[in-house]
Amino acid sequence: MIEEELRRALAALVDGLPPRQASRAVERLMAGYRAPGEGPAPVLRDRADVVAYAAYRMPATFAAVSAALGALAVRTGEWRPGSHLDVGGGTGAAVWAAARVWGAAGDGPEGGPRRTTVLDRSQPALSLGRELAGAPGPLGAPGTPDAEALRAAEWRRRSLTDPDERPHRADADRADADGEDPDREGAGTGALPDADLVTISYVLGELAEPERQSLVDAAARAARAVVITEPGTPGGYARTIAARDRLLGAGLRVLAPCPHSAACPMVPGEDWCHFAARVNRSSLHRQVKGGSLPYEDEKFSYVAAVRPVIAGDPAGGRIVRRPQKRKGQVLLDLCTADDGLRASTVTKRHGADYRRARDAKWGDAWPPNPDAGPDGTHGTAGTGGTGT
């Protein structure tokens, strides 16, 4: 499985990093990433920084983006992206997530694997992402057939805020060492390359409002489908909703998680739409967070929107809270196309729906697709966990 390949690759990296150094790097990086805006130089300064941060954050980002892409995949049926642009992708968690959901997708150029490009401002992150994905390096290539798109991916350095920025000298030197051209297309151009799928994951919070708007607009112009994922906090939800509005204004329509493209019925300041993905904690997770549980729940907000050329319809409703199971009944909090937010009680009298409700999870489509897995995503990626 792709997830196992990623876990093994990250474990191999961490094995070469002293635990105390990894913990200190993660703590410093988390503090830096909480600061608003984009600094003049990447927060990820060197390989040790990137290894620590990838081991700490990449599994959670992978789980959240897998769930978001899986929800899109269910709504679009047989559609498979022949090209994927991951903006601000760093070490490539969204690229691994796409491989989990669609495999190598033989819809790329001339029937080959999906054409994949990762853009990021940090050359160390891009270099590690290439190594993890299986380009020549100490980790070797992932062994699953679904990883073919990973091995063929391009990793390009680019600022997300300054289209005219040239690479820093140190980054250019690293790019040369990696066999890259630091002045290639993408290092200093304002428009994003066209792609069937554009992903922007945990990026908008690092940008000022005008820069967020410009990036979302550029993604809408470049893509047939756009999936934006942000932390499942009130602030992350607010950024996701603002991006959703801009995507709708650009002519796209929402397929997930919303059952409609109308205004979100949740009242800002009172509630926010978010979901959770279960993540197996590594030893580094437990060490840095001081926890003992072998898992955690990554809270995230997301929106998946498509151009009219892509067929598909949103779900009739979405479960927006953890289902409450009672004797002989299940209580569901739903966001619906016709009634907005509403509660629904499913009892034994509902037969098959009751059995499905017992298996339903926070974030699943409702009514469920009988052909889908219990999480509504054909088993590719699901949401789960507890809380609100």
Protein backbone atom coordinates (compact mmCIF):
# COMPACT_ATOMS: atom_id res chain seq x y z
CA MET A 1 0.00 0.00 0.00
CA ILE A 2 1.08 3.57 -0.70
CA GLU A 3 0.54 4.49 2.95
CA GLU A 4 2.91 1.74 4.10
CA GLU A 5 5.51 2.81 1.55
CA LEU A 6 5.36 6.37 2.87
CA ARG A 7 5.59 5.24 6.49
CA ARG A 8 8.64 3.08 5.80
CA ALA A 9 10.36 5.83 3.82
CA LEU A 10 9.82 8.38 6.60
CA ALA A 11 10.98 5.92 9.25
CA ALA A 12 14.20 5.34 7.33
CA LEU A 13 14.85 9.09 7.29
CA VAL A 14 14.21 9.57 10.99
CA ASP A 15 16.49 6.66 11.89
CA GLY A 16 19.41 8.80 10.79
CA LEU A 17 18.40 11.84 12.87
CA PRO A 18 19.20 12.10 16.61
CA PRO A 19 15.89 12.19 18.56
CA ARG A 20 16.69 15.38 20.47
CA GLN A 21 17.70 17.18 17.31
CA ALA A 22 14.47 16.05 15.63
CA SER A 23 12.36 17.23 18.55
CA ARG A 24 14.03 20.64 18.69
CA ALA A 25 13.67 21.08 14.94
CA VAL A 26 9.97 20.21 15.01
CA GLU A 27 9.26 22.58 17.90
CA ARG A 28 11.06 25.45 16.17
CA LEU A 29 9.44 24.77 12.82
CA MET A 30 5.95 24.58 14.30
CA ALA A 31 6.49 27.97 15.93
CA GLY A 32 7.72 29.39 12.63
CA TYR A 33 4.79 28.02 10.65
CA ARG A 34 2.31 29.55 13.08
CA ALA A 35 3.66 33.02 12.25
CA PRO A 36 1.54 34.84 9.61
CA GLY A 37 2.77 35.62 6.12
CA GLU A 38 5.67 34.28 4.07
CA GLY A 39 9.15 35.25 5.13
CA PRO A 40 11.97 36.25 2.80
CA ALA A 41 13.50 32.75 3.02
CA PRO A 42 11.96 29.32 3.50
CA VAL A 43 11.32 28.22 7.08
CA LEU A 44 12.70 24.79 6.15
CA ARG A 45 16.37 25.73 6.08
CA ASP A 46 18.21 22.45 5.56
CA ARG A 47 17.81 18.70 5.30
CA ALA A 48 17.59 18.16 9.06
CA ASP A 49 14.70 20.63 9.25
CA VAL A 50 12.91 18.99 6.35
CA VAL A 51 13.36 15.45 7.67
CA ALA A 52 12.01 16.42 11.10
CA TYR A 53 9.04 18.31 9.73
CA ALA A 54 8.20 15.65 7.14
CA ALA A 55 8.23 12.92 9.76
CA TYR A 56 6.03 15.01 12.04
CA ARG A 57 3.52 16.54 9.62
CA MET A 58 3.56 14.55 6.37
CA PRO A 59 1.46 11.59 7.63
CA ALA A 60 -1.28 13.93 8.89
CA THR A 61 -1.31 15.99 5.69
CA PHE A 62 -1.36 12.78 3.66
CA ALA A 63 -4.37 11.48 5.62
CA ALA A 64 -6.35 14.73 5.33
CA VAL A 65 -5.68 15.23 1.62
CA SER A 66 -6.40 11.55 0.92
CA ALA A 67 -9.83 12.02 2.48
CA ALA A 68 -10.51 15.17 0.45
CA LEU A 69 -9.36 13.61 -2.83
CA GLY A 70 -11.27 10.43 -2.03
CA ALA A 71 -14.47 12.45 -1.58
CA LEU A 72 -13.88 14.10 -4.97
CA ALA A 73 -13.20 10.72 -6.59
CA VAL A 74 -16.54 9.36 -5.41
CA ARG A 75 -18.43 12.34 -6.84
CA THR A 76 -16.66 12.21 -10.24
CA GLY A 77 -16.99 8.47 -10.88
CA GLU A 78 -14.72 7.30 -13.67
CA TRP A 79 -12.85 10.60 -14.05
CA ARG A 80 -9.15 10.33 -13.34
CA PRO A 81 -6.75 13.28 -13.54
CA GLY A 82 -4.12 12.88 -16.23
CA SER A 83 -2.07 15.70 -14.72
CA HIS A 84 -1.64 16.96 -11.16
CA LEU A 85 -0.13 20.26 -9.98
CA ASP A 86 0.57 20.42 -6.24
CA VAL A 87 1.10 24.06 -5.24
CA GLY A 88 3.16 24.63 -2.10
CA GLY A 89 3.48 20.86 -1.91
CA GLY A 90 6.81 20.73 -0.04
CA THR A 91 7.75 17.08 0.40
CA GLY A 92 4.75 15.92 -1.65
CA ALA A 93 2.10 14.60 0.76
CA ALA A 94 -0.67 15.46 -1.73
CA VAL A 95 1.17 13.62 -4.50
CA TRP A 96 1.23 10.48 -2.35
CA ALA A 97 -2.46 11.03 -1.54
CA ALA A 98 -3.34 11.21 -5.25
CA ALA A 99 -1.46 7.95 -5.81
CA ARG A 100 -3.50 6.38 -3.01
CA VAL A 101 -6.81 7.52 -4.50
CA TRP A 102 -6.21 7.12 -8.25
CA GLY A 103 -3.09 4.97 -8.50
CA ALA A 104 -0.79 5.88 -11.36
CA ALA A 105 -3.85 6.79 -13.47
CA GLY A 106 -3.00 5.77 -17.02
CA ASP A 107 -4.57 8.93 -18.37
CA GLY A 108 -1.33 10.82 -18.64
CA PRO A 109 0.34 11.85 -21.90
CA GLU A 110 0.26 9.04 -24.45
CA GLY A 111 -1.31 6.67 -21.94
CA GLY A 112 1.58 6.99 -19.49
CA PRO A 113 1.38 7.74 -15.78
CA ARG A 114 -0.24 10.89 -14.46
CA ARG A 115 1.92 13.96 -15.13
CA THR A 116 2.75 15.35 -11.70
CA THR A 117 4.44 18.63 -10.75
CA VAL A 118 5.16 19.94 -7.26
CA LEU A 119 5.84 23.65 -6.72
CA ASP A 120 7.33 24.98 -3.49
CA ARG A 121 9.59 27.79 -2.29
CA SER A 122 11.86 25.45 -0.28
CA GLN A 123 14.50 23.62 -2.29
CA PRO A 124 15.39 21.33 0.67
CA ALA A 125 11.74 20.24 0.88
CA LEU A 126 11.57 19.60 -2.84
CA SER A 127 14.81 17.62 -2.78
CA LEU A 128 13.55 15.42 0.03
CA GLY A 129 10.21 15.02 -1.70
CA ARG A 130 11.98 13.78 -4.81
CA GLU A 131 13.99 11.35 -2.70
CA LEU A 132 10.91 10.02 -0.94
CA ALA A 133 9.07 9.65 -4.25
CA GLY A 134 11.77 7.35 -5.55
CA ALA A 135 14.09 9.36 -7.74
CA PRO A 136 17.72 8.13 -7.56
CA GLY A 137 18.72 8.37 -3.91
CA PRO A 138 19.38 6.32 -0.78
CA LEU A 139 15.74 5.37 -0.27
CA GLY A 140 15.27 3.78 -3.68
CA ALA A 141 11.93 3.71 -5.53
CA PRO A 142 8.58 2.83 -3.93
CA GLY A 143 7.64 -0.73 -4.75
CA THR A 144 3.93 -0.48 -5.55
CA PRO A 145 2.67 -0.09 -9.13
CA ASP A 146 0.53 2.85 -7.98
CA ALA A 147 3.73 4.79 -7.24
CA GLU A 148 4.62 5.22 -10.92
CA ALA A 149 3.27 8.79 -10.95
CA LEU A 150 5.40 9.55 -7.89
CA ARG A 151 8.59 8.38 -9.57
CA ALA A 152 7.84 10.49 -12.65
CA ALA A 153 7.01 13.69 -10.73
CA GLU A 154 8.79 17.00 -11.36
CA TRP A 155 9.84 19.11 -8.37
CA ARG A 156 10.20 22.84 -9.09
CA ARG A 157 11.22 25.69 -6.81
CA ARG A 158 8.89 28.68 -6.95
CA SER A 159 7.70 31.44 -4.65
CA LEU A 160 3.96 31.51 -4.07
CA THR A 161 3.89 35.26 -3.49
CA ASP A 162 6.50 36.85 -5.76
CA PRO A 163 6.18 35.78 -9.41
CA ASP A 164 9.42 37.58 -10.28
CA GLU A 165 11.53 36.09 -7.51
CA ARG A 166 14.70 34.38 -8.64
CA PRO A 167 16.08 31.44 -6.66
CA HIS A 168 18.28 32.19 -3.65
CA ARG A 169 21.90 31.38 -4.41
CA ALA A 170 21.93 28.50 -1.91
CA ASP A 171 18.75 27.10 -3.43
CA ALA A 172 20.18 27.46 -6.92
CA ASP A 173 23.29 25.56 -5.83
CA ARG A 174 21.13 22.77 -4.40
CA ALA A 175 19.05 22.69 -7.57
CA ASP A 176 22.21 22.37 -9.66
CA ALA A 177 23.38 19.52 -7.45
CA ASP A 178 20.03 17.80 -7.94
CA GLY A 179 20.24 18.15 -11.71
CA GLU A 180 17.61 20.93 -11.83
CA ASP A 181 17.71 24.17 -13.79
CA PRO A 182 17.00 26.91 -11.19
CA ASP A 183 15.87 29.30 -13.92
CA ARG A 184 13.46 26.86 -15.56
CA GLU A 185 9.82 27.69 -16.22
CA GLY A 186 7.97 28.03 -12.92
CA ALA A 187 10.74 29.82 -11.00
CA GLY A 188 9.67 33.27 -12.10
CA THR A 189 6.32 33.17 -13.87
CA GLY A 190 3.00 34.51 -12.59
CA ALA A 191 0.62 31.92 -14.07
CA LEU A 192 0.32 28.34 -12.91
CA PRO A 193 0.77 25.53 -15.46
CA ASP A 194 -2.48 23.99 -16.66
CA ALA A 195 -3.43 20.70 -14.98
CA ASP A 196 -6.45 18.46 -14.63
CA LEU A 197 -6.07 18.63 -10.84
CA VAL A 198 -4.57 21.38 -8.69
CA THR A 199 -4.10 20.79 -4.97
CA ILE A 200 -3.30 23.47 -2.37
CA SER A 201 -2.81 21.89 1.03
CA TYR A 202 -2.10 23.71 4.31
CA VAL A 203 -0.72 26.67 2.36
CA LEU A 204 -3.25 29.52 2.54
CA GLY A 205 -2.59 30.14 6.23
CA GLU A 206 1.01 31.05 5.39
CA LEU A 207 -0.05 33.83 3.01
CA ALA A 208 -1.50 37.31 3.42
CA GLU A 209 -5.07 37.79 2.22
CA PRO A 210 -4.23 39.37 -1.19
CA GLU A 211 -1.75 36.58 -1.87
CA ARG A 212 -4.31 33.91 -0.94
CA GLN A 213 -6.79 35.42 -3.35
CA SER A 214 -4.25 35.57 -6.17
CA LEU A 215 -3.19 31.97 -5.62
CA VAL A 216 -6.76 30.63 -5.56
CA ASP A 217 -7.61 32.64 -8.69
CA ALA A 218 -4.53 31.26 -10.46
CA ALA A 219 -5.51 27.72 -9.48
CA ALA A 220 -9.03 28.25 -10.81
CA ARG A 221 -7.64 29.43 -14.15
CA ALA A 222 -5.20 26.53 -14.43
CA ALA A 223 -7.31 23.56 -13.33
CA ARG A 224 -10.26 21.41 -14.22
CA ALA A 225 -10.52 20.41 -10.56
CA VAL A 226 -9.22 22.24 -7.50
CA VAL A 227 -8.94 20.72 -4.02
CA ILE A 228 -7.97 23.03 -1.15
CA THR A 229 -7.27 21.63 2.32
CA GLU A 230 -6.69 23.69 5.45
CA PRO A 231 -6.47 22.98 9.19
CA GLY A 232 -9.81 22.16 10.81
CA THR A 233 -9.87 25.31 12.93
CA PRO A 234 -12.19 28.33 12.71
CA GLY A 235 -9.42 30.18 10.87
CA GLY A 236 -8.77 27.29 8.48
CA TYR A 237 -12.49 27.01 7.79
CA ALA A 238 -12.71 30.76 7.11
CA ARG A 239 -9.88 30.54 4.59
CA THR A 240 -11.51 27.50 2.97
CA ILE A 241 -14.87 29.26 2.64
CA ALA A 242 -13.23 32.36 1.19
CA ALA A 243 -11.43 30.17 -1.35
CA ARG A 244 -14.70 28.36 -2.10
CA ASP A 245 -16.36 31.68 -2.90
CA ARG A 246 -13.58 32.62 -5.30
CA LEU A 247 -13.71 29.24 -7.04
CA LEU A 248 -17.46 29.61 -7.51
CA GLY A 249 -16.94 33.12 -8.84
CA ALA A 250 -14.47 31.72 -11.37
CA GLY A 251 -17.11 29.36 -12.78
CA LEU A 252 -16.35 26.15 -10.89
CA ARG A 253 -18.96 24.19 -8.92
CA VAL A 254 -18.53 22.45 -5.59
CA LEU A 255 -18.68 18.64 -5.45
CA ALA A 256 -17.45 18.05 -1.88
CA PRO A 257 -17.90 18.25 0.97
CA CYS A 258 -20.86 20.56 0.39
CA PRO A 259 -24.05 19.10 -1.09
CA HIS A 260 -24.58 22.36 -2.97
CA SER A 261 -22.80 25.44 -4.30
CA ALA A 262 -24.95 27.87 -2.31
CA ALA A 263 -23.77 29.79 0.75
CA CYS A 264 -22.54 27.70 3.69
CA PRO A 265 -25.31 27.48 6.30
CA MET A 266 -22.86 27.48 9.22
CA VAL A 267 -22.70 30.83 11.01
CA PRO A 268 -19.15 32.22 11.34
CA GLY A 269 -18.19 32.61 14.96
CA GLU A 270 -20.71 29.99 16.07
CA ASP A 271 -19.62 26.91 14.15
CA TRP A 272 -17.28 25.76 11.41
CA CYS A 273 -17.24 22.90 8.94
CA HIS A 274 -14.40 20.45 9.51
CA PHE A 275 -13.68 16.75 9.56
CA ALA A 276 -11.09 14.38 11.00
CA ALA A 277 -8.72 11.75 9.65
CA ARG A 278 -7.17 9.09 11.89
CA VAL A 279 -3.36 9.13 11.79
CA ASN A 280 -1.05 6.49 13.23
CA ARG A 281 1.51 8.27 15.39
CA SER A 282 5.20 7.65 14.85
CA SER A 283 7.67 7.54 17.72
CA LEU A 284 8.62 11.11 16.82
CA HIS A 285 4.99 12.21 17.18
CA ARG A 286 4.78 10.67 20.64
CA GLN A 287 8.12 12.09 21.71
CA VAL A 288 7.41 15.67 20.63
CA LYS A 289 3.82 15.78 21.84
CA GLY A 290 4.48 13.85 25.00
CA GLY A 291 1.56 11.54 24.29
CA SER A 292 1.20 7.81 24.62
CA LEU A 293 -1.70 7.04 22.26
CA PRO A 294 -0.63 5.29 19.03
CA TYR A 295 -2.89 7.55 16.94
CA GLU A 296 -4.28 11.07 16.67
CA ASP A 297 -7.10 12.67 14.72
CA GLU A 298 -6.08 15.30 12.18
CA LYS A 299 -8.81 17.93 11.95
CA PHE A 300 -9.15 19.57 8.53
CA SER A 301 -11.44 21.66 6.33
CA TYR A 302 -11.55 21.28 2.57
CA VAL A 303 -13.32 22.15 -0.64
CA ALA A 304 -13.29 20.27 -3.94
CA ALA A 305 -14.57 22.18 -6.97
CA VAL A 306 -14.61 21.35 -10.69
CA ARG A 307 -15.15 22.90 -14.09
CA PRO A 308 -18.39 22.01 -15.93
CA VAL A 309 -16.39 19.75 -18.25
CA ILE A 310 -16.06 17.23 -15.39
CA ALA A 311 -19.23 15.23 -14.86
CA GLY A 312 -20.48 14.54 -11.37
CA ASP A 313 -22.91 15.66 -8.72
CA PRO A 314 -22.46 16.45 -5.03
CA ALA A 315 -23.90 14.15 -2.40
CA GLY A 316 -27.44 14.77 -1.22
CA GLY A 317 -26.07 15.45 2.26
CA ARG A 318 -22.95 15.26 4.38
CA ILE A 319 -22.54 14.15 8.01
CA VAL A 320 -21.00 17.15 9.78
CA ARG A 321 -20.73 15.76 13.30
CA ARG A 322 -19.74 12.47 14.84
CA PRO A 323 -22.83 10.21 14.64
CA GLN A 324 -24.47 9.61 18.02
CA LYS A 325 -25.38 5.96 18.50
CA ARG A 326 -28.24 5.09 20.81
CA LYS A 327 -30.12 1.87 21.43
CA GLY A 328 -32.03 1.17 18.23
CA GLN A 329 -31.22 4.51 16.62
CA VAL A 330 -28.45 6.71 15.21
CA LEU A 331 -28.57 10.51 15.38
CA LEU A 332 -27.00 12.28 12.41
CA ASP A 333 -26.22 15.99 12.02
CA LEU A 334 -26.40 16.72 8.30
CA CYS A 335 -25.69 19.49 5.85
CA THR A 336 -28.20 19.03 3.01
CA ALA A 337 -28.88 20.56 -0.37
CA ASP A 338 -32.51 21.46 0.32
CA ASP A 339 -32.76 22.01 4.07
CA GLY A 340 -29.35 23.28 5.06
CA LEU A 341 -28.28 22.02 8.48
CA ARG A 342 -30.67 19.53 10.00
CA ALA A 343 -30.77 16.58 12.36
CA SER A 344 -31.88 13.14 11.22
CA THR A 345 -32.75 10.10 13.32
CA VAL A 346 -32.27 6.70 11.69
CA THR A 347 -33.94 3.80 13.49
CA LYS A 348 -34.20 0.06 13.03
CA ARG A 349 -37.39 0.63 11.09
CA HIS A 350 -35.25 2.11 8.31
CA GLY A 351 -33.74 -1.32 7.61
CA ALA A 352 -30.65 -1.11 5.39
CA ASP A 353 -30.23 2.62 6.11
CA TYR A 354 -30.06 1.86 9.82
CA ARG A 355 -27.28 -0.66 9.24
CA ARG A 356 -25.43 1.88 7.10
CA ALA A 357 -25.94 4.57 9.72
CA ARG A 358 -24.37 2.34 12.37
CA ASP A 359 -21.24 2.21 10.18
CA ALA A 360 -21.36 5.86 9.10
CA LYS A 361 -18.59 8.25 10.07
CA TRP A 362 -18.20 11.94 10.50
CA GLY A 363 -17.64 13.36 7.02
CA ASP A 364 -19.43 10.62 5.08
CA ALA A 365 -22.01 11.35 2.41
CA TRP A 366 -25.61 10.73 3.39
CA PRO A 367 -27.66 9.04 2.03
CA PRO A 368 -24.69 6.73 1.35
CA ASN A 369 -23.70 5.49 -2.06
CA PRO A 370 -24.46 1.72 -1.96
CA ASP A 371 -21.44 1.08 -4.18
CA ALA A 372 -19.06 2.98 -1.92
CA GLY A 373 -17.26 1.82 1.18
CA PRO A 374 -18.63 2.63 4.62
CA ASP A 375 -16.87 5.99 4.58
CA GLY A 376 -18.41 6.94 1.22
CA THR A 377 -15.06 6.91 -0.58
CA HIS A 378 -14.80 3.42 -2.11
CA GLY A 379 -12.37 2.62 0.69
CA THR A 380 -9.67 4.92 -0.71
CA ALA A 381 -9.61 7.44 2.09
CA GLY A 382 -11.95 8.12 4.92
CA THR A 383 -12.67 10.47 7.74
CA GLY A 384 -13.07 9.34 11.26
CA GLY A 385 -12.38 10.18 14.84
CA THR A 386 -14.35 11.89 17.51
CA GLY A 387 -15.13 15.39 18.62
CA THR A 388 -16.52 18.37 16.78
